[in-house]
Amino acid sequence: MKSVTLTILALSLLLPAWAGAADKPAKAPELNTFEQKFSYVIGREIGQSFQEAPAKIDIDLFVRGIQDAMNKRPSPIAAEEEQKIKEEFSQRMQAEQAKRAGEAGEKNRKEEEAFLAKNKTEPGVKTTASGLQYKVLQDGTGAAIKASDRVKVHYKGTLVNGTEFDSSYSRNQPAVFELNGVIPGWTEGLQLMRVGGKYRLWVPSSLAYGARGAGRMIGPNTLLVFDIEPLEVMAP
């Protein structure tokens, strides 16, 4: 089961390649019993993974492999060759991941450059020496913030297109951070503020997660937008 799960997860990371059998019209299946529904759900999940496989899947041989395994029939491929095939698949997967990440990173880099060049001309937007851009939404009158401080903040993080990836407002729970333990854009941006203020920060990828990105939503070289409201400078 672990091997099957890992294979499915690996397949889901790669380029779309298999489409032949998916285009053929199929008669609606009978889905009356739990076993029928379970079989369909598992098959559909695997089929979705195959859409991003690194090579075209021969559906007939795939089904034959399942049947042979379930019926404990010997494989026509020697164990040593099977291992080599799996290793080659892993190498193809890694190469394809690197290629896709490079292409996405270059696309995001160009989009970031174009956006920042235009955004810096917008009213109220200021740009620091590091390339961080910010706009004062509300001036604060409380304590100034230092790089060594521990701060309580409300914030919302989005992509340039407005897609939200994180928000303390949505959780209805302010977050507490050591300012020297967050991304450089935050460390710099919050030091421009005072408690009670609210700024919008446009954080270049070089001051965020760079070419590695972060999770599924923040790709390589992705510009991030934050609305940040420092609520309190807390005791260490």
C-alpha atoms as a PDB file:
ATOM      1  CA  MET A   1       0.000   0.000   0.000  1.00  0.00           C
ATOM      2  CA  LYS A   2       2.846   2.388   0.840  1.00  0.00           C
ATOM      3  CA  SER A   3       4.501   1.706  -2.516  1.00  0.00           C
ATOM      4  CA  VAL A   4       1.248   2.361  -4.402  1.00  0.00           C
ATOM      5  CA  THR A   5       0.681   5.604  -2.494  1.00  0.00           C
ATOM      6  CA  LEU A   6       4.188   6.857  -3.207  1.00  0.00           C
ATOM      7  CA  THR A   7       3.832   6.013  -6.882  1.00  0.00           C
ATOM      8  CA  ILE A   8       0.536   7.882  -7.136  1.00  0.00           C
ATOM      9  CA  LEU A   9       1.986  10.912  -5.382  1.00  0.00           C
ATOM     10  CA  ALA A  10       5.013  10.885  -7.650  1.00  0.00           C
ATOM     11  CA  LEU A  11       2.906  10.661 -10.787  1.00  0.00           C
ATOM     12  CA  SER A  12       0.806  13.618  -9.689  1.00  0.00           C
ATOM     13  CA  LEU A  13       3.853  15.906  -9.876  1.00  0.00           C
ATOM     14  CA  LEU A  14       4.684  15.450 -13.529  1.00  0.00           C
ATOM     15  CA  LEU A  15       3.713  16.707 -16.985  1.00  0.00           C
ATOM     16  CA  PRO A  16       0.399  15.856 -18.640  1.00  0.00           C
ATOM     17  CA  ALA A  17       1.050  13.060 -21.111  1.00  0.00           C
ATOM     18  CA  TRP A  18      -1.635  10.411 -21.080  1.00  0.00           C
ATOM     19  CA  ALA A  19      -4.808  11.237 -22.940  1.00  0.00           C
ATOM     20  CA  GLY A  20      -5.596   8.417 -25.363  1.00  0.00           C
ATOM     21  CA  ALA A  21      -7.972   6.256 -23.358  1.00  0.00           C
ATOM     22  CA  ALA A  22      -9.419   9.238 -21.524  1.00  0.00           C
ATOM     23  CA  ASP A  23     -10.947  10.553 -24.760  1.00  0.00           C
ATOM     24  CA  LYS A  24     -12.941   7.393 -25.458  1.00  0.00           C
ATOM     25  CA  PRO A  25     -16.607   7.600 -24.460  1.00  0.00           C
ATOM     26  CA  ALA A  26     -17.534   5.124 -21.746  1.00  0.00           C
ATOM     27  CA  LYS A  27     -20.857   3.675 -20.698  1.00  0.00           C
ATOM     28  CA  ALA A  28     -22.012   4.918 -17.308  1.00  0.00           C
ATOM     29  CA  PRO A  29     -20.886   2.412 -14.671  1.00  0.00           C
ATOM     30  CA  GLU A  30     -23.188   0.665 -12.225  1.00  0.00           C
ATOM     31  CA  LEU A  31     -22.481   2.086  -8.801  1.00  0.00           C
ATOM     32  CA  ASN A  32     -24.873   0.354  -6.440  1.00  0.00           C
ATOM     33  CA  THR A  33     -22.710  -1.406  -3.867  1.00  0.00           C
ATOM     34  CA  PHE A  34     -19.913  -0.106  -1.677  1.00  0.00           C
ATOM     35  CA  GLU A  35     -17.426  -2.314  -3.538  1.00  0.00           C
ATOM     36  CA  GLN A  36     -18.483  -0.858  -6.897  1.00  0.00           C
ATOM     37  CA  LYS A  37     -18.221   2.714  -5.647  1.00  0.00           C
ATOM     38  CA  PHE A  38     -14.905   2.071  -3.900  1.00  0.00           C
ATOM     39  CA  SER A  39     -13.456   0.500  -7.044  1.00  0.00           C
ATOM     40  CA  TYR A  40     -14.528   3.452  -9.148  1.00  0.00           C
ATOM     41  CA  VAL A  41     -13.170   6.048  -6.726  1.00  0.00           C
ATOM     42  CA  ILE A  42      -9.763   4.352  -6.526  1.00  0.00           C
ATOM     43  CA  GLY A  43      -9.601   3.947 -10.301  1.00  0.00           C
ATOM     44  CA  ARG A  44     -10.511   7.575 -10.846  1.00  0.00           C
ATOM     45  CA  GLU A  45      -7.875   8.751  -8.387  1.00  0.00           C
ATOM     46  CA  ILE A  46      -5.182   6.745 -10.151  1.00  0.00           C
ATOM     47  CA  GLY A  47      -6.434   7.915 -13.544  1.00  0.00           C
ATOM     48  CA  GLN A  48      -6.144  11.545 -12.469  1.00  0.00           C
ATOM     49  CA  SER A  49      -2.567  10.875 -11.414  1.00  0.00           C
ATOM     50  CA  PHE A  50      -1.800   9.380 -14.827  1.00  0.00           C
ATOM     51  CA  GLN A  51      -2.732  12.659 -16.487  1.00  0.00           C
ATOM     52  CA  GLU A  52       0.649  13.947 -15.308  1.00  0.00           C
ATOM     53  CA  ALA A  53       2.762  10.856 -15.855  1.00  0.00           C
ATOM     54  CA  PRO A  54       6.230  11.259 -17.468  1.00  0.00           C
ATOM     55  CA  ALA A  55       5.353   8.720 -20.174  1.00  0.00           C
ATOM     56  CA  LYS A  56       2.204   7.514 -21.895  1.00  0.00           C
ATOM     57  CA  ILE A  57       0.457   4.765 -19.965  1.00  0.00           C
ATOM     58  CA  ASP A  58      -0.610   1.630 -21.847  1.00  0.00           C
ATOM     59  CA  ILE A  59      -3.957   1.109 -20.127  1.00  0.00           C
ATOM     60  CA  ASP A  60      -4.212  -2.563 -21.148  1.00  0.00           C
ATOM     61  CA  LEU A  61      -0.825  -3.416 -19.655  1.00  0.00           C
ATOM     62  CA  PHE A  62      -1.636  -1.354 -16.582  1.00  0.00           C
ATOM     63  CA  VAL A  63      -4.800  -3.379 -15.979  1.00  0.00           C
ATOM     64  CA  ARG A  64      -2.877  -6.607 -16.661  1.00  0.00           C
ATOM     65  CA  GLY A  65      -0.319  -5.609 -14.012  1.00  0.00           C
ATOM     66  CA  ILE A  66      -3.081  -5.096 -11.449  1.00  0.00           C
ATOM     67  CA  GLN A  67      -4.679  -8.425 -12.333  1.00  0.00           C
ATOM     68  CA  ASP A  68      -1.364 -10.302 -12.120  1.00  0.00           C
ATOM     69  CA  ALA A  69      -0.560  -8.770  -8.749  1.00  0.00           C
ATOM     70  CA  MET A  70      -4.011  -9.453  -7.281  1.00  0.00           C
ATOM     71  CA  ASN A  71      -3.932 -13.034  -8.557  1.00  0.00           C
ATOM     72  CA  LYS A  72      -0.331 -13.550  -7.408  1.00  0.00           C
ATOM     73  CA  ARG A  73       0.895 -14.374 -10.888  1.00  0.00           C
ATOM     74  CA  PRO A  74       4.638 -13.949 -11.522  1.00  0.00           C
ATOM     75  CA  SER A  75       5.814 -10.831 -13.347  1.00  0.00           C
ATOM     76  CA  PRO A  76       7.218 -11.270 -16.884  1.00  0.00           C
ATOM     77  CA  ILE A  77       9.810  -8.640 -15.946  1.00  0.00           C
ATOM     78  CA  ALA A  78      12.674  -9.737 -13.729  1.00  0.00           C
ATOM     79  CA  ALA A  79      12.936  -8.108 -10.305  1.00  0.00           C
ATOM     80  CA  GLU A  80      16.277  -6.516 -11.176  1.00  0.00           C
ATOM     81  CA  GLU A  81      14.849  -4.926 -14.317  1.00  0.00           C
ATOM     82  CA  GLU A  82      11.764  -3.730 -12.403  1.00  0.00           C
ATOM     83  CA  GLN A  83      14.067  -1.915 -10.000  1.00  0.00           C
ATOM     84  CA  LYS A  84      15.924  -0.281 -12.893  1.00  0.00           C
ATOM     85  CA  ILE A  85      12.615   0.862 -14.391  1.00  0.00           C
ATOM     86  CA  LYS A  86      11.587   2.444 -11.100  1.00  0.00           C
ATOM     87  CA  GLU A  87      14.949   4.187 -10.829  1.00  0.00           C
ATOM     88  CA  GLU A  88      14.650   5.539 -14.371  1.00  0.00           C
ATOM     89  CA  PHE A  89      11.144   6.769 -13.576  1.00  0.00           C
ATOM     90  CA  SER A  90      12.483   8.578 -10.516  1.00  0.00           C
ATOM     91  CA  GLN A  91      15.216  10.217 -12.586  1.00  0.00           C
ATOM     92  CA  ARG A  92      12.715  11.325 -15.219  1.00  0.00           C
ATOM     93  CA  MET A  93      10.468  12.694 -12.508  1.00  0.00           C
ATOM     94  CA  GLN A  94      13.259  14.726 -10.928  1.00  0.00           C
ATOM     95  CA  ALA A  95      14.386  16.084 -14.284  1.00  0.00           C
ATOM     96  CA  GLU A  96      10.838  17.053 -15.201  1.00  0.00           C
ATOM     97  CA  GLN A  97      10.277  18.726 -11.841  1.00  0.00           C
ATOM     98  CA  ALA A  98      13.472  20.740 -12.270  1.00  0.00           C
ATOM     99  CA  LYS A  99      12.455  21.752 -15.801  1.00  0.00           C
ATOM    100  CA  ARG A 100       8.982  22.818 -14.723  1.00  0.00           C
ATOM    101  CA  ALA A 101      10.326  24.738 -11.730  1.00  0.00           C
ATOM    102  CA  GLY A 102      12.819  26.549 -13.949  1.00  0.00           C
ATOM    103  CA  GLU A 103      10.171  27.522 -16.486  1.00  0.00           C
ATOM    104  CA  ALA A 104       7.745  28.663 -13.782  1.00  0.00           C
ATOM    105  CA  GLY A 105      10.490  30.588 -12.003  1.00  0.00           C
ATOM    106  CA  GLU A 106      11.490  32.458 -15.162  1.00  0.00           C
ATOM    107  CA  LYS A 107       7.863  33.306 -15.949  1.00  0.00           C
ATOM    108  CA  ASN A 108       7.245  34.530 -12.400  1.00  0.00           C
ATOM    109  CA  ARG A 109      10.474  36.559 -12.409  1.00  0.00           C
ATOM    110  CA  LYS A 110       9.465  38.448 -15.544  1.00  0.00           C
ATOM    111  CA  GLU A 111       5.964  39.070 -14.195  1.00  0.00           C
ATOM    112  CA  GLU A 112       7.408  40.298 -10.904  1.00  0.00           C
ATOM    113  CA  GLU A 113       9.759  42.734 -12.630  1.00  0.00           C
ATOM    114  CA  ALA A 114       6.968  44.137 -14.792  1.00  0.00           C
ATOM    115  CA  PHE A 115       4.578  44.506 -11.864  1.00  0.00           C
ATOM    116  CA  LEU A 116       7.082  46.226  -9.560  1.00  0.00           C
ATOM    117  CA  ALA A 117       8.167  48.615 -12.304  1.00  0.00           C
ATOM    118  CA  LYS A 118       4.565  49.723 -12.789  1.00  0.00           C
ATOM    119  CA  ASN A 119       3.550  49.599  -9.141  1.00  0.00           C
ATOM    120  CA  LYS A 120       6.302  51.951  -7.964  1.00  0.00           C
ATOM    121  CA  THR A 121       4.684  54.734  -9.998  1.00  0.00           C
ATOM    122  CA  GLU A 122       1.323  54.334  -8.252  1.00  0.00           C
ATOM    123  CA  PRO A 123       0.272  57.094  -5.831  1.00  0.00           C
ATOM    124  CA  GLY A 124       1.484  56.531  -2.269  1.00  0.00           C
ATOM    125  CA  VAL A 125       3.782  53.599  -3.124  1.00  0.00           C
ATOM    126  CA  LYS A 126       7.371  53.887  -1.885  1.00  0.00           C
ATOM    127  CA  THR A 127      10.330  51.663  -2.740  1.00  0.00           C
ATOM    128  CA  THR A 128      13.228  50.940  -0.391  1.00  0.00           C
ATOM    129  CA  ALA A 129      16.851  50.272  -1.364  1.00  0.00           C
ATOM    130  CA  SER A 130      16.238  46.502  -1.125  1.00  0.00           C
ATOM    131  CA  GLY A 131      13.361  46.653  -3.611  1.00  0.00           C
ATOM    132  CA  LEU A 132      10.585  46.310  -1.026  1.00  0.00           C
ATOM    133  CA  GLN A 133       7.541  48.382  -1.927  1.00  0.00           C
ATOM    134  CA  TYR A 134       5.041  49.653   0.613  1.00  0.00           C
ATOM    135  CA  LYS A 135       2.066  51.920   1.020  1.00  0.00           C
ATOM    136  CA  VAL A 136       0.807  53.445   4.251  1.00  0.00           C
ATOM    137  CA  LEU A 137      -2.846  52.526   4.721  1.00  0.00           C
ATOM    138  CA  GLN A 138      -2.968  53.903   8.256  1.00  0.00           C
ATOM    139  CA  ASP A 139      -0.302  55.635  10.325  1.00  0.00           C
ATOM    140  CA  GLY A 140       0.509  54.142  13.703  1.00  0.00           C
ATOM    141  CA  THR A 141       1.071  56.144  16.860  1.00  0.00           C
ATOM    142  CA  GLY A 142       2.318  53.373  19.141  1.00  0.00           C
ATOM    143  CA  ALA A 143       5.726  51.882  19.787  1.00  0.00           C
ATOM    144  CA  ALA A 144       8.352  51.670  17.076  1.00  0.00           C
ATOM    145  CA  ILE A 145       9.409  48.167  16.032  1.00  0.00           C
ATOM    146  CA  LYS A 146      12.985  46.846  16.047  1.00  0.00           C
ATOM    147  CA  ALA A 147      14.461  43.820  14.285  1.00  0.00           C
ATOM    148  CA  SER A 148      14.967  42.064  17.622  1.00  0.00           C
ATOM    149  CA  ASP A 149      11.348  42.517  18.736  1.00  0.00           C
ATOM    150  CA  ARG A 150       8.628  39.952  19.199  1.00  0.00           C
ATOM    151  CA  VAL A 151       5.418  41.317  17.702  1.00  0.00           C
ATOM    152  CA  LYS A 152       1.729  40.485  17.592  1.00  0.00           C
ATOM    153  CA  VAL A 153       0.201  41.239  14.201  1.00  0.00           C
ATOM    154  CA  HIS A 154      -2.853  40.827  12.078  1.00  0.00           C
ATOM    155  CA  TYR A 155      -2.040  40.185   8.434  1.00  0.00           C
ATOM    156  CA  LYS A 156      -3.279  38.903   5.112  1.00  0.00           C
ATOM    157  CA  GLY A 157      -1.018  37.450   2.433  1.00  0.00           C
ATOM    158  CA  THR A 158      -2.046  37.198  -1.208  1.00  0.00           C
ATOM    159  CA  LEU A 159      -0.560  36.625  -4.626  1.00  0.00           C
ATOM    160  CA  VAL A 160      -0.590  39.533  -7.063  1.00  0.00           C
ATOM    161  CA  ASN A 161      -3.807  38.191  -8.589  1.00  0.00           C
ATOM    162  CA  GLY A 162      -5.525  38.451  -5.209  1.00  0.00           C
ATOM    163  CA  THR A 163      -5.446  34.753  -4.302  1.00  0.00           C
ATOM    164  CA  GLU A 164      -5.176  34.527  -0.513  1.00  0.00           C
ATOM    165  CA  PHE A 165      -2.659  32.019   0.836  1.00  0.00           C
ATOM    166  CA  ASP A 166      -2.617  32.994   4.505  1.00  0.00           C
ATOM    167  CA  SER A 167      -4.527  35.314   6.829  1.00  0.00           C
ATOM    168  CA  SER A 168      -4.775  35.836  10.559  1.00  0.00           C
ATOM    169  CA  TYR A 169      -7.963  37.794   9.863  1.00  0.00           C
ATOM    170  CA  SER A 170      -9.564  34.693   8.367  1.00  0.00           C
ATOM    171  CA  ARG A 171      -8.573  32.698  11.456  1.00  0.00           C
ATOM    172  CA  ASN A 172      -9.752  35.539  13.708  1.00  0.00           C
ATOM    173  CA  GLN A 173      -6.527  35.068  15.648  1.00  0.00           C
ATOM    174  CA  PRO A 174      -3.544  37.478  15.600  1.00  0.00           C
ATOM    175  CA  ALA A 175      -0.145  35.870  15.056  1.00  0.00           C
ATOM    176  CA  VAL A 176       3.015  36.356  17.114  1.00  0.00           C
ATOM    177  CA  PHE A 177       6.414  36.409  15.409  1.00  0.00           C
ATOM    178  CA  GLU A 178      10.047  36.959  16.289  1.00  0.00           C
ATOM    179  CA  LEU A 179      10.887  39.642  13.759  1.00  0.00           C
ATOM    180  CA  ASN A 180      14.341  38.209  13.109  1.00  0.00           C
ATOM    181  CA  GLY A 181      12.786  34.833  12.278  1.00  0.00           C
ATOM    182  CA  VAL A 182      10.489  35.789   9.384  1.00  0.00           C
ATOM    183  CA  ILE A 183      11.131  36.507   5.710  1.00  0.00           C
ATOM    184  CA  PRO A 184      13.400  39.522   5.086  1.00  0.00           C
ATOM    185  CA  GLY A 185      10.556  41.535   3.570  1.00  0.00           C
ATOM    186  CA  TRP A 186       8.656  41.326   6.843  1.00  0.00           C
ATOM    187  CA  THR A 187      11.701  42.095   8.966  1.00  0.00           C
ATOM    188  CA  GLU A 188      12.332  45.243   6.950  1.00  0.00           C
ATOM    189  CA  GLY A 189       8.722  46.253   6.424  1.00  0.00           C
ATOM    190  CA  LEU A 190       7.612  46.067  10.040  1.00  0.00           C
ATOM    191  CA  GLN A 191      10.521  48.244  11.118  1.00  0.00           C
ATOM    192  CA  LEU A 192       9.019  51.018   8.967  1.00  0.00           C
ATOM    193  CA  MET A 193       5.846  50.865  11.051  1.00  0.00           C
ATOM    194  CA  ARG A 194       4.555  51.712  14.497  1.00  0.00           C
ATOM    195  CA  VAL A 195       1.996  49.803  16.518  1.00  0.00           C
ATOM    196  CA  GLY A 196      -1.512  50.749  15.441  1.00  0.00           C
ATOM    197  CA  GLY A 197      -0.551  51.346  11.837  1.00  0.00           C
ATOM    198  CA  LYS A 198      -1.408  49.346   8.766  1.00  0.00           C
ATOM    199  CA  TYR A 199       0.771  48.981   5.676  1.00  0.00           C
ATOM    200  CA  ARG A 200       0.569  47.131   2.413  1.00  0.00           C
ATOM    201  CA  LEU A 201       3.834  45.472   1.437  1.00  0.00           C
ATOM    202  CA  TRP A 202       4.802  44.198  -1.997  1.00  0.00           C
ATOM    203  CA  VAL A 203       7.574  41.751  -1.183  1.00  0.00           C
ATOM    204  CA  PRO A 204       9.851  40.710  -4.069  1.00  0.00           C
ATOM    205  CA  SER A 205      10.742  37.042  -4.173  1.00  0.00           C
ATOM    206  CA  SER A 206      14.332  37.917  -3.248  1.00  0.00           C
ATOM    207  CA  LEU A 207      12.966  39.114   0.111  1.00  0.00           C
ATOM    208  CA  ALA A 208      10.529  36.199   0.456  1.00  0.00           C
ATOM    209  CA  TYR A 209      10.986  32.565  -0.648  1.00  0.00           C
ATOM    210  CA  GLY A 210      13.169  33.055  -3.708  1.00  0.00           C
ATOM    211  CA  ALA A 211      13.609  30.380  -6.353  1.00  0.00           C
ATOM    212  CA  ARG A 212      12.533  27.570  -4.021  1.00  0.00           C
ATOM    213  CA  GLY A 213       9.004  28.896  -3.396  1.00  0.00           C
ATOM    214  CA  ALA A 214       6.918  27.651  -0.491  1.00  0.00           C
ATOM    215  CA  GLY A 215       4.272  24.942  -0.752  1.00  0.00           C
ATOM    216  CA  ARG A 216       1.863  24.551  -3.634  1.00  0.00           C
ATOM    217  CA  MET A 217       0.550  28.124  -3.730  1.00  0.00           C
ATOM    218  CA  ILE A 218       3.806  30.088  -3.652  1.00  0.00           C
ATOM    219  CA  GLY A 219       5.845  29.113  -6.686  1.00  0.00           C
ATOM    220  CA  PRO A 220       9.464  29.946  -7.465  1.00  0.00           C
ATOM    221  CA  ASN A 221      10.259  33.673  -7.771  1.00  0.00           C
ATOM    222  CA  THR A 222       6.767  34.693  -6.665  1.00  0.00           C
ATOM    223  CA  LEU A 223       5.990  38.262  -5.606  1.00  0.00           C
ATOM    224  CA  LEU A 224       3.898  38.388  -2.426  1.00  0.00           C
ATOM    225  CA  VAL A 225       1.493  41.054  -1.165  1.00  0.00           C
ATOM    226  CA  PHE A 226       0.811  41.568   2.533  1.00  0.00           C
ATOM    227  CA  ASP A 227      -1.510  43.820   4.478  1.00  0.00           C
ATOM    228  CA  ILE A 228       0.081  44.024   7.927  1.00  0.00           C
ATOM    229  CA  GLU A 229      -1.240  45.586  11.121  1.00  0.00           C
ATOM    230  CA  PRO A 230       1.114  45.462  14.155  1.00  0.00           C
ATOM    231  CA  LEU A 231      -0.953  45.249  17.321  1.00  0.00           C
ATOM    232  CA  GLU A 232       1.649  44.970  20.059  1.00  0.00           C
ATOM    233  CA  VAL A 233       5.360  44.743  20.751  1.00  0.00           C
ATOM    234  CA  MET A 234       5.560  41.859  23.208  1.00  0.00           C
ATOM    235  CA  ALA A 235       8.067  40.940  25.856  1.00  0.00           C
ATOM    236  CA  PRO A 236      10.843  38.595  24.695  1.00  0.00           C
END
